[in-house]
Amino acid sequence: MSAALPSRYMQTTEDATVWARIGNKTQTVGNLRAGQIIAIEPGAEDYYTFSFGFGKGFIDKGHLEPVQGRQRVPFFVTKAL
């Protein structure tokens, strides 16, 4: 059994479509604007996987690059204490 690779932060280079598995189909579920930063899970496919809400989204690798410069990675609170 191999260990999962750690997430890393990537930045969108252009507006990009996000897909997710809904039932037995892969469907468009939203968009990311150019310049947004997300934590992706590396993989061998033509896309990266990332978490949002309670699901997993998919984005084409061609829409992402390593985060440029010393940008702060946004921190989002998902549940109030």
Protein backbone atom coordinates (compact mmCIF):
# COMPACT_ATOMS: atom_id res chain seq x y z
CA MET A 1 0.00 0.00 0.00
CA SER A 2 1.43 3.41 -0.95
CA ALA A 3 0.95 6.58 1.05
CA ALA A 4 -1.08 9.40 -0.46
CA LEU A 5 0.91 12.35 -1.77
CA PRO A 6 0.44 15.55 0.25
CA SER A 7 -1.65 18.40 -1.13
CA ARG A 8 0.13 21.35 -2.66
CA TYR A 9 -1.06 24.81 -3.60
CA MET A 10 -1.54 25.77 -7.23
CA GLN A 11 -2.89 28.91 -8.90
CA THR A 12 -5.28 29.10 -11.85
CA THR A 13 -3.77 30.68 -14.97
CA GLU A 14 -7.16 31.40 -16.55
CA ASP A 15 -10.84 30.95 -15.79
CA ALA A 16 -11.40 27.20 -15.45
CA THR A 17 -14.32 24.81 -15.31
CA VAL A 18 -14.67 22.53 -12.27
CA TRP A 19 -16.21 19.06 -12.60
CA ALA A 20 -17.38 16.56 -9.98
CA ARG A 21 -18.86 13.08 -9.93
CA ILE A 22 -22.60 13.23 -9.31
CA GLY A 23 -24.11 9.78 -9.26
CA ASN A 24 -22.67 7.91 -12.25
CA LYS A 25 -21.83 11.03 -14.25
CA THR A 26 -19.08 13.65 -14.26
CA GLN A 27 -20.77 17.05 -14.48
CA THR A 28 -19.77 20.70 -14.51
CA VAL A 29 -20.34 22.10 -11.01
CA GLY A 30 -18.69 25.53 -11.18
CA ASN A 31 -15.82 27.73 -12.25
CA LEU A 32 -12.64 29.14 -10.77
CA ARG A 33 -11.44 32.58 -11.82
CA ALA A 34 -7.89 33.24 -13.02
CA GLY A 35 -5.50 33.76 -10.11
CA GLN A 36 -7.40 31.70 -7.54
CA ILE A 37 -5.32 29.43 -5.30
CA ILE A 38 -6.42 25.88 -4.43
CA ALA A 39 -4.88 22.92 -2.62
CA ILE A 40 -4.66 20.09 -5.15
CA GLU A 41 -4.00 16.39 -4.76
CA PRO A 42 -1.31 15.36 -7.28
CA GLY A 43 -2.17 12.53 -9.66
CA ALA A 44 -1.10 10.88 -12.89
CA GLU A 45 -4.28 11.80 -14.78
CA ASP A 46 -4.84 14.84 -17.04
CA TYR A 47 -6.53 16.61 -14.12
CA TYR A 48 -5.96 17.48 -10.47
CA THR A 49 -8.38 16.66 -7.68
CA PHE A 50 -9.25 19.07 -4.88
CA SER A 51 -11.73 19.16 -2.01
CA PHE A 52 -14.61 21.60 -1.74
CA GLY A 53 -17.52 21.39 0.65
CA PHE A 54 -18.12 17.68 1.25
CA GLY A 55 -17.02 16.63 -2.24
CA LYS A 56 -14.10 16.32 -4.63
CA GLY A 57 -13.69 18.51 -7.68
CA PHE A 58 -11.61 17.99 -10.82
CA ILE A 59 -9.73 20.64 -12.82
CA ASP A 60 -7.58 20.25 -15.96
CA LYS A 61 -3.85 20.40 -15.21
CA GLY A 62 -3.39 22.88 -18.06
CA HIS A 63 -5.25 25.56 -16.08
CA LEU A 64 -2.85 25.52 -13.11
CA GLU A 65 0.71 26.54 -12.23
CA PRO A 66 2.67 26.76 -8.97
CA VAL A 67 1.71 29.76 -6.83
CA GLN A 68 3.64 32.82 -8.03
CA GLY A 69 5.69 34.97 -5.65
CA ARG A 70 5.06 35.18 -1.94
CA GLN A 71 1.29 35.27 -2.01
CA ARG A 72 -0.62 34.43 1.10
CA VAL A 73 -2.69 31.29 0.78
CA PRO A 74 -6.27 32.07 1.83
CA PHE A 75 -7.60 30.42 4.96
CA PHE A 76 -11.30 29.60 4.97
CA VAL A 77 -13.34 28.78 8.06
CA THR A 78 -15.72 26.00 7.17
CA LYS A 79 -17.52 25.74 10.51
CA ALA A 80 -18.01 28.29 13.25
CA LEU A 81 -17.11 27.18 16.77
